[in-house]
Protein backbone atom coordinates (compact mmCIF):
# COMPACT_ATOMS: atom_id res chain seq x y z
CA MET A 1 84.25 -45.30 -28.74
CA THR A 2 86.43 -45.16 -31.86
CA THR A 3 85.93 -42.51 -34.52
CA ILE A 4 88.21 -44.27 -37.04
CA PRO A 5 86.54 -46.40 -39.74
CA ARG A 6 88.17 -49.78 -40.29
CA ASP A 7 88.12 -52.04 -43.33
CA GLN A 8 89.34 -49.03 -45.28
CA TRP A 9 92.37 -47.95 -47.31
CA TYR A 10 94.56 -45.20 -45.85
CA VAL A 11 97.66 -43.44 -47.14
CA ALA A 12 100.62 -44.48 -45.02
CA ALA A 13 103.44 -42.68 -46.83
CA TYR A 14 104.69 -41.21 -50.05
CA GLY A 15 106.47 -43.77 -52.20
CA ARG A 16 109.63 -41.70 -51.93
CA GLU A 17 109.70 -42.18 -48.17
CA ILE A 18 110.15 -45.94 -48.38
CA GLY A 19 113.41 -47.51 -49.56
CA HIS A 20 115.42 -50.60 -48.81
CA ASP A 21 115.59 -49.77 -45.15
CA LEU A 22 113.23 -50.05 -42.20
CA PHE A 23 110.52 -47.39 -41.99
CA SER A 24 107.74 -47.25 -39.39
CA ARG A 25 104.55 -45.23 -39.20
CA THR A 26 101.50 -45.52 -36.97
CA VAL A 27 98.24 -45.72 -38.93
CA CYS A 28 94.88 -45.90 -37.14
CA GLY A 29 96.64 -46.80 -33.90
CA GLU A 30 98.64 -49.65 -35.46
CA SER A 31 102.44 -49.43 -35.67
CA ILE A 32 103.39 -50.68 -39.14
CA LEU A 33 106.82 -51.54 -40.55
CA PHE A 34 107.53 -50.84 -44.22
CA TRP A 35 110.43 -51.51 -46.54
CA ARG A 36 111.13 -52.11 -50.22
CA THR A 37 112.28 -55.54 -51.23
CA GLU A 38 115.29 -55.90 -53.48
CA ALA A 39 112.80 -56.15 -56.35
CA GLY A 40 111.40 -52.72 -55.40
CA GLU A 41 108.06 -53.86 -53.98
CA VAL A 42 106.71 -52.27 -50.79
CA THR A 43 105.91 -54.65 -47.94
CA ALA A 44 104.02 -53.83 -44.74
CA MET A 45 103.77 -55.74 -41.48
CA SER A 46 103.45 -55.25 -37.74
CA ASP A 47 106.36 -53.34 -36.22
CA ARG A 48 106.54 -55.67 -33.20
CA CYS A 49 108.58 -58.85 -32.90
CA VAL A 50 106.33 -61.76 -31.90
CA HIS A 51 108.86 -62.80 -29.24
CA ARG A 52 109.15 -59.87 -26.83
CA ARG A 53 107.49 -57.04 -28.79
CA PHE A 54 110.71 -55.22 -29.67
CA PRO A 55 110.05 -52.71 -32.50
CA LEU A 56 111.61 -54.06 -35.65
CA SER A 57 112.18 -50.52 -36.90
CA GLN A 58 114.39 -49.82 -33.91
CA ALA A 59 118.18 -50.23 -34.18
CA PRO A 60 119.96 -52.59 -33.94
CA SER A 61 117.19 -54.36 -35.92
CA ARG A 62 118.29 -54.50 -39.55
CA LEU A 63 117.54 -55.75 -43.05
CA VAL A 64 119.59 -58.62 -44.46
CA GLY A 65 118.56 -59.00 -48.07
CA ASP A 66 114.79 -59.29 -47.95
CA ALA A 67 114.65 -60.43 -44.33
CA VAL A 68 114.39 -58.29 -41.19
CA VAL A 69 116.38 -59.38 -38.16
CA CYS A 70 115.11 -58.31 -34.74
CA GLY A 71 117.80 -56.38 -32.87
CA TYR A 72 116.80 -57.84 -29.51
CA HIS A 73 116.92 -61.66 -29.88
CA GLY A 74 117.49 -62.23 -33.58
CA PHE A 75 114.08 -63.49 -34.69
CA THR A 76 114.19 -63.20 -38.48
CA TYR A 77 111.22 -62.56 -40.78
CA GLY A 78 110.72 -62.75 -44.52
CA ALA A 79 108.95 -60.14 -46.64
CA ASP A 80 105.65 -61.98 -46.14
CA GLY A 81 105.92 -61.68 -42.33
CA ALA A 82 106.67 -65.35 -41.73
CA CYS A 83 109.43 -66.07 -39.22
CA VAL A 84 112.27 -67.99 -40.90
CA ALA A 85 114.76 -68.29 -38.04
CA VAL A 86 114.84 -68.15 -34.24
CA PRO A 87 117.81 -68.35 -31.87
CA GLY A 88 118.80 -71.58 -30.09
CA GLN A 89 116.72 -74.05 -32.12
CA THR A 90 116.13 -75.16 -35.68
CA ARG A 91 112.36 -75.52 -35.46
CA VAL A 92 110.49 -72.28 -36.05
CA PRO A 93 107.19 -72.15 -34.12
CA ARG A 94 104.26 -72.43 -36.48
CA THR A 95 102.63 -69.31 -35.00
CA ALA A 96 105.74 -67.17 -35.37
CA ARG A 97 104.41 -64.77 -37.98
CA LEU A 98 104.02 -61.01 -38.09
CA ARG A 99 100.67 -59.57 -39.08
CA SER A 100 100.99 -58.48 -42.70
CA TYR A 101 98.96 -55.69 -44.31
CA PRO A 102 97.67 -55.41 -47.87
CA VAL A 103 99.58 -52.55 -49.47
CA VAL A 104 99.30 -50.76 -52.84
CA GLU A 105 101.55 -48.10 -54.34
CA GLN A 106 99.56 -45.76 -56.57
CA ASP A 107 99.66 -42.11 -57.68
CA SER A 108 102.81 -41.46 -55.58
CA PHE A 109 101.08 -42.71 -52.38
CA VAL A 110 101.56 -45.95 -50.47
CA TRP A 111 98.13 -47.17 -49.36
CA VAL A 112 97.63 -49.67 -46.56
CA TRP A 113 94.47 -51.60 -45.67
CA ILE A 114 93.40 -51.32 -42.03
CA GLY A 115 91.00 -54.11 -41.10
CA ASP A 116 90.17 -57.60 -42.29
CA PRO A 117 92.65 -58.47 -45.10
CA ALA A 118 90.02 -60.65 -46.76
CA ARG A 119 87.96 -57.55 -47.49
CA ALA A 120 90.79 -55.56 -49.09
CA ASP A 121 89.86 -54.56 -52.63
CA ALA A 122 92.43 -52.42 -54.43
CA THR A 123 89.84 -51.24 -56.93
CA ARG A 124 88.25 -49.22 -54.12
CA ILE A 125 91.31 -46.98 -53.76
CA PRO A 126 90.42 -43.51 -55.08
CA ARG A 127 92.72 -42.08 -57.74
CA ALA A 128 94.78 -38.88 -57.88
CA PRO A 129 96.54 -39.39 -61.24
CA TRP A 130 97.94 -35.84 -61.52
CA LEU A 131 100.46 -36.50 -58.75
CA ASP A 132 102.73 -38.63 -60.92
CA SER A 133 101.62 -37.45 -64.37
CA PRO A 134 104.22 -35.89 -66.72
CA ASP A 135 101.55 -33.35 -67.69
CA TYR A 136 101.64 -31.81 -64.20
CA ALA A 137 104.28 -30.45 -61.85
CA THR A 138 103.71 -31.45 -58.23
CA VAL A 139 104.95 -30.37 -54.83
CA SER A 140 103.98 -32.24 -51.69
CA GLY A 141 104.61 -32.78 -48.01
CA MET A 142 103.16 -34.06 -44.75
CA GLU A 143 102.53 -32.32 -41.45
CA PRO A 144 101.61 -33.98 -38.14
CA LEU A 145 98.35 -32.82 -36.61
CA ALA A 146 97.69 -33.12 -32.87
CA ALA A 147 93.96 -33.42 -33.48
CA ARG A 148 91.41 -36.02 -34.57
CA PHE A 149 91.14 -36.57 -38.30
CA GLY A 150 87.47 -35.50 -38.41
CA LEU A 151 88.49 -31.94 -37.61
CA LEU A 152 90.66 -31.83 -40.72
CA VAL A 153 87.78 -33.21 -42.79
CA ASP A 154 85.52 -30.44 -41.44
CA ASN A 155 88.20 -27.86 -42.23
CA LEU A 156 88.70 -28.93 -45.84
CA MET A 157 85.02 -29.37 -46.63
CA ASP A 158 84.25 -25.74 -45.69
CA LEU A 159 86.71 -23.48 -47.52
CA SER A 160 85.02 -20.29 -46.32
CA HIS A 161 87.66 -20.32 -43.57
CA GLU A 162 90.23 -19.32 -46.22
CA THR A 163 88.97 -15.74 -46.03
CA TYR A 164 89.80 -15.47 -42.34
CA LEU A 165 92.53 -17.99 -41.55
CA HIS A 166 94.52 -17.74 -44.79
CA GLY A 167 94.22 -14.06 -45.75
CA GLY A 168 97.33 -12.89 -47.61
CA TYR A 169 97.87 -16.39 -49.05
CA ILE A 170 94.78 -18.02 -50.60
CA GLY A 171 91.94 -16.21 -48.83
CA THR A 172 89.87 -13.38 -50.31
CA PRO A 173 86.46 -11.96 -49.32
CA GLU A 174 84.71 -13.75 -52.18
CA VAL A 175 85.44 -17.23 -50.81
CA ALA A 176 83.35 -16.69 -47.70
CA GLY A 177 80.81 -14.59 -49.58
CA THR A 178 79.96 -17.04 -52.36
CA PRO A 179 77.30 -19.72 -51.76
CA ILE A 180 78.13 -23.36 -52.33
CA THR A 181 76.33 -26.29 -53.93
CA THR A 182 76.59 -29.76 -52.40
CA GLU A 183 75.88 -33.14 -53.97
CA VAL A 184 76.18 -36.57 -52.39
CA ASP A 185 76.70 -39.75 -54.39
CA ASP A 186 75.98 -42.45 -51.83
CA ALA A 187 76.54 -45.27 -54.31
CA ALA A 188 80.04 -44.05 -55.19
CA GLY A 189 80.74 -42.82 -51.65
CA ILE A 190 81.69 -39.28 -52.69
CA VAL A 191 80.71 -35.83 -51.45
CA TYR A 192 80.93 -32.95 -53.95
CA VAL A 193 81.04 -29.28 -52.93
CA SER A 194 81.36 -26.49 -55.50
CA ARG A 195 81.97 -22.77 -55.19
CA HIS A 196 82.31 -20.81 -58.43
CA MET A 197 83.47 -17.22 -58.10
CA ASP A 198 83.11 -15.48 -61.45
CA ASP A 199 84.64 -12.15 -60.42
CA ALA A 200 87.03 -12.41 -57.50
CA GLU A 201 90.19 -10.86 -56.15
CA CYS A 202 93.29 -12.81 -57.17
CA PRO A 203 95.09 -13.95 -54.00
CA PRO A 204 98.91 -13.89 -53.82
CA PHE A 205 99.11 -17.69 -54.11
CA TYR A 206 97.71 -17.53 -57.64
CA ALA A 207 98.92 -14.07 -58.68
CA ASN A 208 102.54 -15.00 -58.09
CA SER A 209 102.30 -18.48 -59.62
CA THR A 210 100.16 -17.77 -62.72
CA GLY A 211 100.99 -14.12 -63.42
CA LEU A 212 97.31 -13.14 -63.40
CA THR A 213 96.51 -9.89 -61.62
CA GLY A 214 93.41 -7.93 -60.71
CA ARG A 215 90.09 -9.77 -60.88
CA ILE A 216 89.80 -13.42 -61.84
CA ALA A 217 87.32 -16.24 -62.26
CA ARG A 218 88.06 -18.75 -59.51
CA TRP A 219 86.34 -22.12 -59.25
CA GLN A 220 86.67 -24.54 -56.35
CA ASP A 221 85.25 -28.03 -56.87
CA ILE A 222 85.74 -30.43 -53.97
CA GLU A 223 85.54 -34.19 -54.31
CA TYR A 224 85.86 -36.11 -51.03
CA ALA A 225 86.02 -39.90 -50.96
CA PRO A 226 85.81 -40.84 -47.25
CA PRO A 227 87.64 -41.66 -45.21
CA CYS A 228 91.00 -40.65 -46.63
CA LEU A 229 91.21 -38.87 -49.98
CA TYR A 230 90.21 -35.25 -50.60
CA LYS A 231 90.62 -33.51 -53.94
CA LEU A 232 90.13 -29.81 -54.70
CA HIS A 233 89.93 -29.04 -58.42
CA SER A 234 90.86 -25.35 -58.75
CA ARG A 235 90.33 -23.36 -61.92
CA ILE A 236 91.90 -19.90 -62.25
CA ALA A 237 91.15 -17.81 -65.34
CA PRO A 238 90.55 -14.26 -66.56
CA VAL A 239 87.10 -12.90 -65.73
CA GLY A 240 84.57 -14.01 -68.35
CA SER A 241 86.60 -16.98 -69.55
CA LEU A 242 84.72 -20.29 -69.68
CA PRO A 243 85.71 -23.80 -70.75
CA ASN A 244 84.90 -24.70 -74.36
CA PRO A 245 81.93 -26.98 -75.11
CA ASP A 246 84.36 -29.84 -75.82
CA GLY A 247 85.86 -29.51 -72.34
CA THR A 248 89.12 -27.85 -73.38
CA ASP A 249 90.03 -24.83 -71.30
CA PRO A 250 93.06 -23.09 -72.84
CA ASP A 251 92.67 -19.74 -71.06
CA ALA A 252 92.66 -21.24 -67.56
CA PHE A 253 95.25 -22.45 -65.11
CA HIS A 254 94.35 -25.69 -63.34
CA VAL A 255 95.57 -26.70 -59.89
CA GLU A 256 94.77 -30.04 -58.28
CA VAL A 257 95.08 -29.89 -54.49
CA VAL A 258 95.10 -33.32 -52.87
CA TYR A 259 94.96 -34.22 -49.20
CA ALA A 260 95.28 -37.70 -47.73
CA ILE A 261 93.75 -37.55 -44.25
CA THR A 262 95.12 -40.48 -42.28
CA PRO A 263 94.45 -41.01 -38.57
CA GLU A 264 97.58 -41.77 -36.58
CA THR A 265 95.56 -42.34 -33.41
CA GLU A 266 92.14 -41.24 -32.17
CA ASN A 267 93.54 -37.75 -31.52
CA ARG A 268 96.45 -37.40 -33.96
CA THR A 269 96.49 -37.22 -37.77
CA HIS A 270 98.93 -37.46 -40.66
CA ASP A 271 98.14 -34.51 -42.93
CA PHE A 272 99.51 -35.42 -46.38
CA TRP A 273 99.19 -32.61 -48.92
CA ALA A 274 100.08 -32.23 -52.58
CA VAL A 275 99.59 -29.50 -55.19
CA ALA A 276 99.75 -30.38 -58.89
CA ARG A 277 99.59 -27.76 -61.67
CA ASP A 278 99.32 -27.85 -65.45
CA PHE A 279 101.40 -24.72 -66.10
CA ALA A 280 105.04 -23.61 -65.68
CA LEU A 281 105.97 -27.28 -65.48
CA ASP A 282 109.74 -26.73 -65.61
CA ASP A 283 109.87 -23.52 -63.56
CA THR A 284 111.48 -24.46 -60.26
CA SER A 285 110.85 -20.99 -58.85
CA VAL A 286 107.10 -21.54 -59.23
CA SER A 287 107.41 -24.97 -57.60
CA ASP A 288 109.38 -23.51 -54.70
CA PHE A 289 106.87 -20.70 -54.25
CA ILE A 290 103.84 -23.01 -54.28
CA ALA A 291 105.52 -25.45 -51.89
CA GLU A 292 106.37 -22.70 -49.40
CA GLN A 293 102.98 -21.02 -49.65
CA ASN A 294 100.96 -24.22 -49.35
CA ARG A 295 103.01 -25.49 -46.42
CA THR A 296 102.38 -22.17 -44.67
CA VAL A 297 98.64 -22.56 -45.27
CA VAL A 298 98.74 -26.14 -43.98
CA LEU A 299 100.59 -25.05 -40.85
CA GLN A 300 97.96 -22.35 -40.25
CA ASP A 301 95.32 -25.07 -40.34
CA VAL A 302 97.42 -27.28 -38.06
CA ALA A 303 97.75 -24.53 -35.47
CA ALA A 304 94.01 -23.83 -35.48
CA LEU A 305 92.99 -27.50 -35.33
CA ASP A 306 95.46 -28.33 -32.58
CA VAL A 307 93.79 -25.62 -30.49
CA LEU A 308 90.32 -26.86 -31.42
CA GLU A 309 91.21 -30.41 -30.35
CA GLN A 310 92.12 -29.15 -26.89
CA VAL A 311 88.87 -27.19 -26.67
CA ILE A 312 86.79 -30.23 -27.61
CA ALA A 313 88.72 -32.52 -25.26
CA THR A 314 87.93 -30.32 -22.25
CA GLU A 315 84.44 -29.04 -23.03
CA PRO A 316 81.47 -30.20 -20.94
CA ALA A 317 79.31 -33.02 -22.26
CA GLY A 318 76.27 -32.07 -24.30
CA TYR A 319 77.74 -29.07 -26.11
CA GLN A 320 75.71 -28.34 -29.27
CA GLU A 321 77.28 -26.96 -32.44
CA LEU A 322 75.49 -24.55 -34.76
CA SER A 323 75.61 -25.38 -38.47
CA ILE A 324 74.63 -23.22 -41.46
CA ASN A 325 74.46 -23.55 -45.24
CA ILE A 326 78.24 -23.61 -45.74
CA ASP A 327 78.40 -26.75 -43.58
CA THR A 328 76.30 -28.99 -45.85
CA GLY A 329 79.34 -30.69 -47.37
CA GLY A 330 81.00 -31.25 -44.03
CA LEU A 331 77.80 -32.63 -42.51
CA ALA A 332 77.40 -35.03 -45.45
CA ALA A 333 80.98 -36.19 -44.94
CA ARG A 334 80.29 -36.77 -41.24
CA ARG A 335 77.26 -38.91 -42.11
CA MET A 336 79.32 -41.05 -44.48
CA LEU A 337 82.06 -41.52 -41.89
CA THR A 338 79.50 -42.52 -39.26
CA ALA A 339 78.06 -45.09 -41.66
CA MET A 340 81.56 -46.48 -42.27
CA LEU A 341 82.01 -47.01 -38.54
CA GLN A 342 79.03 -49.33 -38.61
CA GLU A 343 80.06 -51.28 -41.73
CA PRO A 344 82.42 -53.86 -40.14
CA ALA A 345 79.80 -54.82 -37.53
CA THR A 346 77.15 -55.08 -40.24
CA ALA A 347 79.37 -57.29 -42.38
CA ALA A 348 80.20 -59.56 -39.41
CA ALA A 349 76.49 -60.06 -38.72
CA ARG A 350 75.77 -61.30 -42.25
């Protein structure tokens, strides 16, 4: 049984990854071919020639203008996926067409719709505007995860693990020791989890990037829009500092941590991460430090979740987890994902 919701938008790549050449990535078990047309638009279609299944991303397949030519038998496709030429005859079979995918480039991400194209609604794509805003400096990357995407959702929804898995980077005792609040907006499809630490140790990640030392106020406000986009709004400030009544917050440093959690297959995940900040915008040394530190943290998660995937794959049937208060956000996310699995069947029955 699949654990991957369909009829959903997923991040397939960063915009910078796709140029006027052939680029392939597997999303939700489907191998998809991407390229930019000469006009700069991203196109997405099945990475399999309709003739003998040869991957169109594989050399000697090539782009000629805005058409891709299969390197095996020369079947040629336009940017809309329609076959425009075949070898040995002038008539192109009417059914010679690649499956095309709705695609949207937004907030530095390339989003692709997995499911029924007729149900694709770009207004449903959650936003992360900081990632390409001139008011923020952003570093980003992607790491492959040899584990199911739900394990990464669990990981990110319960940040108490920072104390133990990420000590020396972002973890301090207060993260695990501070209770959380959880809210679920079923209508909007968002899970909110907040942890506000008013007097906490400043971890190296923030001490070395902001210059704050000693004790700090540290707020973590999670906003998860299943299945793909996770946002962590981090506020770092001197102890006792609060935002002004009008919402301005001049004494604080703000960091927007964004994850796009995209299943590659049932048991592999693309872990896209980005960190945007509203301070030291032109300081490349701060950017380099945050990029190195956050990638290290991501790789610590990857190592732990890769192990956990193997444990789950080999455990006897009927194993029961134990959940506590810190798991309320993760459990709410699981419920939403389960409901999404049932949505296509519900829609088909209407």
